[in-house]
Amino acid sequence: MAIDKDVLDQLLAGRDPGDLFAKDGLIDELKKALAERMLSAELDDHLEGEGAAGAINRRNGSSRKTMLTGTSKVTLEVPRDRAGTFDPKLIAKYQRRLPDFDDKIISMYARGMTVREIRGHLEELYGIDVSPDLISTITDAVLEAVAEWQGRPLDACYPLVFFDAIRVKIRDEGFVRNKAVYIALGILPDGTKEILGLWIEQTEGAKFWLRVMNELRNRGVGDILIAVVDGLKGFPEAINVAFPATVVQTCIVHQLRTSMGFASWKDRKPIAQALRAVYRAETQEAGLAALEAFEQGPWGRRYPAIAQSWRRHWDQVIPFFAFPELGGSIVVIADVWLICRSQVAQFA
């Protein structure tokens, strides 16, 4: 429901525009007023419920409580009841921080800021003096939640799982470093995407991925229909040790990226167009014929390593040729999960 414009005009009347978001400005005043109004409404509801039960209870003044918000400190008048049975849900008895305050600290911590930098940032922008212990308590709670999420149970079967890595900045021993975070991205039968897990490892290898596969099994995964991977040597074997029936498909995007690494920058666009005939072919045989044509053509003769790379990974390139067309065109691996949905629906 939209706020009445007349109410907004009354709030803004005589206000300096710079006062709106400033410390102790209109926004902070509204936070205080709304929080106290909601606390009062909570107490009214509590007293009404106790009155219906035949108990005699009533208001008993208020107590002051200072709350840390995402922008400032706010001192609230928290109402009390005579029986001492009122336990507000908006702000619990021992709660000293509003959720947006914790979110700001977590956001800064995730960006690699140190505890000292976070303290200085809060002091400079909001005039809030926060102890290092409080910051550590907030960030440690996140780490516990992350560990719980990483070990959560998973579904028994996933139609499609992508295994890949992204490069991110991570704070490590007081320094911010670029590290690889390895991801397992599952696709559910209804098309929903779900991150199954995140792992940070110094080097990517078959042994590491075998450990990941065993972890997925221990968390409840019984089968993966199709696993999409890069061209890492030994990766398909690591997957099939844990999931023998899984079809391993080389990611076409990774294969194309590898191919472009053999070519000069100015030739990459026409080479990518020429390779489309390989992975967009209707059958495995047609794809192999297209690869041979590319190999014997001008680009294949200029960059022979490209066709050699495709041939080395051909057994993992061809699995998606076995799937039918969708919407009148052959589906590349980026969209193969759509086919998986119809396949898995038969067993749902």
Protein backbone atom coordinates (compact mmCIF):
# COMPACT_ATOMS: atom_id res chain seq x y z
CA MET A 1 0.00 0.00 0.00
CA ALA A 2 1.41 3.39 -1.03
CA ILE A 3 2.02 6.04 1.63
CA ASP A 4 -0.37 8.97 1.39
CA LYS A 5 1.27 11.96 -0.31
CA ASP A 6 -0.15 14.39 2.27
CA VAL A 7 1.62 12.44 5.00
CA LEU A 8 4.89 12.66 3.08
CA ASP A 9 4.41 16.39 2.57
CA GLN A 10 3.92 16.85 6.31
CA LEU A 11 7.10 14.91 7.05
CA LEU A 12 9.15 16.91 4.55
CA ALA A 13 7.73 20.34 5.41
CA GLY A 14 10.52 22.69 6.47
CA ARG A 15 13.18 20.02 6.09
CA ASP A 16 16.54 20.63 4.50
CA PRO A 17 16.94 18.07 1.64
CA GLY A 18 20.38 17.21 3.00
CA ASP A 19 18.77 16.23 6.29
CA LEU A 20 16.87 13.32 4.77
CA PHE A 21 19.62 10.66 4.89
CA ALA A 22 22.03 12.40 7.27
CA LYS A 23 22.91 11.00 10.68
CA ASP A 24 19.97 11.57 13.06
CA GLY A 25 18.03 12.89 10.07
CA LEU A 26 14.49 12.14 8.93
CA ILE A 27 15.17 8.50 8.02
CA ASP A 28 16.62 7.78 11.46
CA GLU A 29 13.68 9.56 13.08
CA LEU A 30 11.27 7.43 11.07
CA LYS A 31 13.12 4.25 12.08
CA LYS A 32 12.77 5.25 15.73
CA ALA A 33 9.11 6.28 15.43
CA LEU A 34 8.07 3.19 13.46
CA ALA A 35 9.97 0.82 15.76
CA GLU A 36 8.37 2.35 18.88
CA ARG A 37 4.91 2.29 17.27
CA MET A 38 5.30 -1.39 16.37
CA LEU A 39 6.55 -2.23 19.87
CA SER A 40 3.53 -0.44 21.34
CA ALA A 41 1.21 -2.37 19.02
CA GLU A 42 2.90 -5.61 20.05
CA LEU A 43 2.31 -4.83 23.72
CA ASP A 44 -1.36 -3.95 23.04
CA ASP A 45 -1.82 -7.32 21.36
CA HIS A 46 -0.03 -9.07 24.24
CA LEU A 47 -2.19 -7.39 26.88
CA GLU A 48 -5.36 -8.15 24.93
CA GLY A 49 -4.41 -11.83 24.78
CA GLU A 50 -3.71 -12.01 28.49
CA GLY A 51 -6.97 -10.19 29.25
CA ALA A 52 -8.89 -12.82 27.31
CA ALA A 53 -7.23 -15.48 29.45
CA GLY A 54 -8.44 -13.79 32.63
CA ALA A 55 -5.05 -12.46 33.75
CA ILE A 56 -4.68 -8.94 35.12
CA ASN A 57 -1.85 -7.11 33.43
CA ARG A 58 -1.28 -3.58 32.13
CA ARG A 59 1.36 -1.18 30.85
CA ASN A 60 4.17 -0.21 33.17
CA GLY A 61 6.06 2.64 31.53
CA SER A 62 9.05 2.03 29.27
CA SER A 63 12.78 1.46 29.32
CA ARG A 64 15.44 2.92 27.04
CA LYS A 65 17.37 0.72 24.70
CA THR A 66 20.07 1.78 22.23
CA MET A 67 20.04 -0.12 18.95
CA LEU A 68 22.72 -0.18 16.26
CA THR A 69 21.27 0.23 12.78
CA GLY A 70 22.93 0.25 9.39
CA THR A 71 23.36 4.03 9.52
CA SER A 72 23.40 5.17 13.16
CA LYS A 73 22.56 4.48 16.80
CA VAL A 74 18.89 4.80 17.71
CA THR A 75 17.62 5.06 21.28
CA LEU A 76 14.18 3.47 21.60
CA GLU A 77 11.57 3.68 24.32
CA VAL A 78 10.64 0.01 24.75
CA PRO A 79 7.24 -0.39 26.53
CA ARG A 80 6.96 -2.71 29.54
CA ASP A 81 4.11 -4.57 31.20
CA ARG A 82 3.57 -4.93 34.94
CA ALA A 83 3.70 -8.74 34.92
CA GLY A 84 6.97 -8.78 32.99
CA THR A 85 5.65 -11.34 30.47
CA PHE A 86 5.98 -9.12 27.38
CA ASP A 87 8.69 -10.44 25.04
CA PRO A 88 8.65 -8.33 21.83
CA LYS A 89 9.30 -10.06 18.53
CA LEU A 90 10.46 -6.96 16.64
CA ILE A 91 13.37 -6.39 19.02
CA ALA A 92 14.10 -9.24 21.40
CA LYS A 93 15.08 -8.55 25.01
CA TYR A 94 18.79 -8.97 24.52
CA GLN A 95 18.99 -7.81 20.91
CA ARG A 96 21.16 -4.73 20.38
CA ARG A 97 21.45 -4.62 16.61
CA LEU A 98 18.92 -4.39 13.81
CA PRO A 99 19.40 -6.91 10.96
CA ASP A 100 20.58 -4.29 8.44
CA PHE A 101 23.53 -3.49 10.71
CA ASP A 102 24.78 -7.07 10.59
CA ASP A 103 24.21 -7.13 6.82
CA LYS A 104 26.49 -4.10 6.34
CA ILE A 105 29.31 -5.67 8.35
CA ILE A 106 28.97 -8.97 6.50
CA SER A 107 28.98 -7.15 3.16
CA MET A 108 32.19 -5.29 4.02
CA TYR A 109 33.80 -8.47 5.37
CA ALA A 110 32.90 -10.34 2.17
CA ARG A 111 34.68 -7.65 0.15
CA GLY A 112 37.93 -8.39 1.97
CA MET A 113 37.94 -5.52 4.49
CA THR A 114 39.80 -6.13 7.74
CA VAL A 115 38.22 -5.66 11.17
CA ARG A 116 40.12 -2.39 11.58
CA GLU A 117 38.91 -1.14 8.18
CA ILE A 118 35.31 -2.04 9.02
CA ARG A 119 35.53 -0.14 12.33
CA GLY A 120 36.99 2.90 10.59
CA HIS A 121 34.36 2.79 7.85
CA LEU A 122 31.46 2.68 10.32
CA GLU A 123 32.99 5.47 12.40
CA GLU A 124 33.68 7.71 9.40
CA LEU A 125 30.32 7.32 7.66
CA TYR A 126 27.88 6.76 10.53
CA GLY A 127 29.68 7.87 13.67
CA ILE A 128 29.25 4.39 15.17
CA ASP A 129 32.02 3.03 17.41
CA VAL A 130 31.97 -0.76 17.15
CA SER A 131 34.25 -3.08 19.08
CA PRO A 132 36.44 -5.62 17.23
CA ASP A 133 34.81 -8.41 19.27
CA LEU A 134 31.35 -7.47 17.96
CA ILE A 135 32.56 -7.54 14.34
CA SER A 136 34.21 -10.93 14.91
CA THR A 137 31.02 -12.28 16.51
CA ILE A 138 28.94 -11.25 13.51
CA THR A 139 31.36 -12.66 10.92
CA ASP A 140 31.88 -15.90 12.87
CA ALA A 141 28.11 -16.45 12.87
CA VAL A 142 28.18 -16.24 9.07
CA LEU A 143 30.97 -18.81 8.89
CA GLU A 144 28.88 -21.20 10.98
CA ALA A 145 25.91 -20.70 8.64
CA VAL A 146 28.17 -21.30 5.61
CA ALA A 147 29.47 -24.55 7.09
CA GLU A 148 25.91 -25.70 7.78
CA TRP A 149 24.86 -24.83 4.22
CA GLN A 150 27.87 -26.61 2.72
CA GLY A 151 26.94 -29.85 4.52
CA ARG A 152 23.17 -29.73 3.94
CA PRO A 153 21.41 -32.82 2.46
CA LEU A 154 20.86 -32.83 -1.31
CA ASP A 155 18.30 -34.38 -3.66
CA ALA A 156 18.71 -37.99 -4.75
CA CYS A 157 18.94 -37.22 -8.48
CA TYR A 158 19.93 -34.24 -10.61
CA PRO A 159 19.26 -34.17 -14.36
CA LEU A 160 22.23 -31.92 -15.05
CA VAL A 161 25.17 -30.61 -13.01
CA PHE A 162 27.76 -28.10 -14.20
CA PHE A 163 31.21 -28.31 -12.60
CA ASP A 164 33.33 -25.20 -13.08
CA ALA A 165 35.38 -22.51 -11.31
CA ILE A 166 35.26 -18.74 -10.94
CA ARG A 167 37.99 -16.34 -9.85
CA VAL A 168 37.17 -14.12 -6.87
CA LYS A 169 39.02 -11.90 -4.41
CA ILE A 170 39.34 -13.54 -0.98
CA ARG A 171 40.92 -12.24 2.22
CA ASP A 172 43.61 -14.70 3.28
CA GLU A 173 46.01 -14.16 6.21
CA GLY A 174 45.60 -10.39 6.08
CA PHE A 175 45.95 -10.15 2.28
CA VAL A 176 43.37 -10.04 -0.50
CA ARG A 177 44.22 -12.66 -3.11
CA ASN A 178 42.65 -13.94 -6.33
CA LYS A 179 41.55 -17.52 -5.76
CA ALA A 180 39.57 -20.10 -7.66
CA VAL A 181 36.22 -21.10 -6.17
CA TYR A 182 34.98 -24.38 -7.62
CA ILE A 183 31.23 -24.70 -8.06
CA ALA A 184 28.77 -27.53 -8.60
CA LEU A 185 25.62 -26.04 -10.15
CA GLY A 186 22.68 -28.45 -10.32
CA ILE A 187 19.59 -28.15 -12.51
CA LEU A 188 16.38 -29.58 -11.01
CA PRO A 189 13.66 -31.28 -13.10
CA ASP A 190 11.58 -28.06 -13.11
CA GLY A 191 14.52 -26.03 -14.40
CA THR A 192 15.42 -24.47 -11.05
CA LYS A 193 19.13 -23.86 -10.52
CA GLU A 194 20.73 -24.86 -7.22
CA ILE A 195 24.33 -24.45 -6.10
CA LEU A 196 25.25 -27.80 -4.58
CA GLY A 197 28.51 -26.65 -3.09
CA LEU A 198 31.50 -24.31 -3.18
CA TRP A 199 35.10 -25.37 -2.66
CA ILE A 200 38.36 -23.43 -2.50
CA GLU A 201 41.41 -25.40 -3.57
CA GLN A 202 44.95 -24.39 -4.49
CA THR A 203 45.06 -26.60 -7.58
CA GLU A 204 42.39 -28.27 -9.67
CA GLY A 205 42.93 -31.95 -10.30
CA ALA A 206 41.18 -35.30 -10.69
CA LYS A 207 41.83 -36.20 -7.03
CA PHE A 208 40.17 -32.99 -5.87
CA TRP A 209 37.09 -33.61 -8.02
CA LEU A 210 36.90 -37.23 -6.85
CA ARG A 211 36.73 -35.89 -3.29
CA VAL A 212 33.93 -33.54 -4.37
CA MET A 213 32.00 -36.41 -5.96
CA ASN A 214 32.30 -38.51 -2.80
CA GLU A 215 31.10 -35.56 -0.74
CA LEU A 216 28.04 -35.19 -2.97
CA ARG A 217 27.28 -38.88 -2.55
CA ASN A 218 27.62 -38.63 1.23
CA ARG A 219 25.14 -35.74 1.19
CA GLY A 220 22.49 -37.84 -0.54
CA VAL A 221 23.08 -37.58 -4.29
CA GLY A 222 22.48 -41.00 -5.80
CA ASP A 223 22.68 -40.17 -9.50
CA ILE A 224 23.53 -37.41 -11.96
CA LEU A 225 22.17 -37.87 -15.48
CA ILE A 226 24.57 -35.50 -17.25
CA ALA A 227 27.71 -33.86 -15.84
CA VAL A 228 29.09 -30.90 -17.80
CA VAL A 229 32.81 -30.33 -17.26
CA ASP A 230 35.82 -28.59 -18.75
CA GLY A 231 38.63 -30.47 -20.47
CA LEU A 232 40.61 -31.32 -17.34
CA LYS A 233 42.45 -34.61 -17.75
CA GLY A 234 41.06 -37.35 -15.51
CA PHE A 235 37.91 -35.39 -14.64
CA PRO A 236 35.44 -37.73 -16.44
CA GLU A 237 37.02 -40.76 -14.76
CA ALA A 238 36.71 -39.11 -11.34
CA ILE A 239 33.00 -38.52 -11.95
CA ASN A 240 32.33 -42.05 -13.15
CA VAL A 241 34.06 -43.58 -10.13
CA ALA A 242 31.37 -42.06 -7.89
CA PHE A 243 28.54 -42.06 -10.45
CA PRO A 244 29.15 -44.88 -12.97
CA ALA A 245 25.99 -44.25 -15.02
CA THR A 246 26.54 -40.49 -15.45
CA VAL A 247 26.99 -39.19 -18.98
CA VAL A 248 29.98 -36.82 -19.03
CA GLN A 249 29.70 -33.94 -21.49
CA THR A 250 32.55 -31.56 -22.23
CA CYS A 251 31.37 -27.97 -21.95
CA ILE A 252 31.23 -26.60 -25.49
CA VAL A 253 31.98 -23.10 -24.21
CA HIS A 254 35.21 -24.35 -22.60
CA GLN A 255 36.10 -26.28 -25.74
CA LEU A 256 35.59 -23.19 -27.90
CA ARG A 257 37.63 -21.11 -25.46
CA THR A 258 40.46 -23.62 -25.71
CA SER A 259 40.22 -23.48 -29.50
CA MET A 260 40.45 -19.69 -29.52
CA GLY A 261 43.65 -19.93 -27.50
CA PHE A 262 45.42 -21.39 -30.54
CA ALA A 263 44.35 -18.58 -32.87
CA SER A 264 45.31 -14.93 -33.24
CA TRP A 265 42.82 -12.35 -32.01
CA LYS A 266 41.74 -11.17 -35.48
CA ASP A 267 40.94 -14.73 -36.62
CA ARG A 268 38.87 -15.82 -33.63
CA LYS A 269 35.47 -14.62 -34.81
CA PRO A 270 35.53 -16.41 -38.22
CA ILE A 271 36.97 -19.54 -36.59
CA ALA A 272 34.14 -19.57 -34.04
CA GLN A 273 31.63 -19.29 -36.91
CA ALA A 274 33.32 -22.18 -38.74
CA LEU A 275 33.23 -24.41 -35.64
CA ARG A 276 29.47 -23.91 -35.26
CA ALA A 277 28.98 -26.54 -37.96
CA VAL A 278 30.66 -29.08 -35.67
CA TYR A 279 28.65 -28.70 -32.47
CA ARG A 280 25.42 -27.65 -34.21
CA ALA A 281 25.33 -30.75 -36.39
CA GLU A 282 22.24 -32.95 -36.20
CA THR A 283 24.09 -36.22 -35.60
CA GLN A 284 27.42 -37.45 -34.33
CA GLU A 285 28.39 -38.51 -37.85
CA ALA A 286 27.51 -35.11 -39.28
CA GLY A 287 29.51 -33.44 -36.51
CA LEU A 288 32.57 -35.56 -37.26
CA ALA A 289 32.23 -34.79 -40.97
CA ALA A 290 32.06 -31.07 -40.15
CA LEU A 291 35.19 -31.39 -38.00
CA GLU A 292 37.04 -33.11 -40.87
CA ALA A 293 35.91 -30.37 -43.24
CA PHE A 294 37.19 -27.73 -40.80
CA GLU A 295 40.48 -29.60 -40.42
CA GLN A 296 41.01 -29.68 -44.20
CA GLY A 297 39.84 -26.09 -44.69
CA PRO A 298 41.92 -22.89 -44.47
CA TRP A 299 41.46 -22.40 -40.72
CA GLY A 300 42.25 -26.02 -39.91
CA ARG A 301 45.44 -25.89 -41.98
CA ARG A 302 46.50 -22.59 -40.41
CA TYR A 303 45.73 -23.76 -36.84
CA PRO A 304 45.99 -27.60 -36.80
CA ALA A 305 45.99 -27.70 -32.97
CA ILE A 306 42.30 -26.70 -32.92
CA ALA A 307 41.04 -29.84 -34.68
CA GLN A 308 43.49 -31.96 -32.67
CA SER A 309 42.01 -30.58 -29.45
CA TRP A 310 38.47 -31.47 -30.56
CA ARG A 311 39.56 -34.99 -31.50
CA ARG A 312 41.25 -35.57 -28.13
CA HIS A 313 37.99 -34.73 -26.33
CA TRP A 314 35.63 -36.13 -28.95
CA ASP A 315 34.26 -38.90 -26.71
CA GLN A 316 33.10 -36.23 -24.25
CA VAL A 317 31.97 -33.79 -26.97
CA ILE A 318 29.49 -36.12 -28.67
CA PRO A 319 27.09 -37.25 -25.87
CA PHE A 320 24.57 -34.43 -26.44
CA PHE A 321 24.15 -35.53 -30.09
CA ALA A 322 22.06 -38.43 -28.71
CA PHE A 323 19.34 -36.04 -27.54
CA PRO A 324 16.48 -34.92 -29.81
CA GLU A 325 15.99 -31.49 -31.32
CA LEU A 326 14.11 -28.84 -29.39
CA GLY A 327 12.18 -26.03 -31.04
CA GLY A 328 13.43 -26.99 -34.51
CA SER A 329 17.14 -26.62 -33.71
CA ILE A 330 19.85 -28.78 -32.20
CA VAL A 331 20.39 -27.88 -28.55
CA VAL A 332 23.93 -26.97 -27.53
CA ILE A 333 25.17 -27.89 -24.11
CA ALA A 334 24.26 -24.53 -22.59
CA ASP A 335 20.57 -25.42 -23.13
CA VAL A 336 20.70 -29.20 -22.77
CA TRP A 337 19.02 -29.03 -19.35
CA LEU A 338 15.73 -28.26 -21.15
CA ILE A 339 15.88 -31.71 -22.73
CA CYS A 340 16.76 -33.21 -19.37
CA ARG A 341 13.57 -31.81 -17.90
CA SER A 342 11.42 -33.78 -20.34
CA GLN A 343 13.53 -36.91 -19.82
CA VAL A 344 13.30 -36.79 -16.04
CA ALA A 345 9.60 -35.97 -16.08
CA GLN A 346 8.96 -39.57 -17.12
CA PHE A 347 10.28 -40.73 -13.72
CA ALA A 348 8.75 -37.95 -11.59
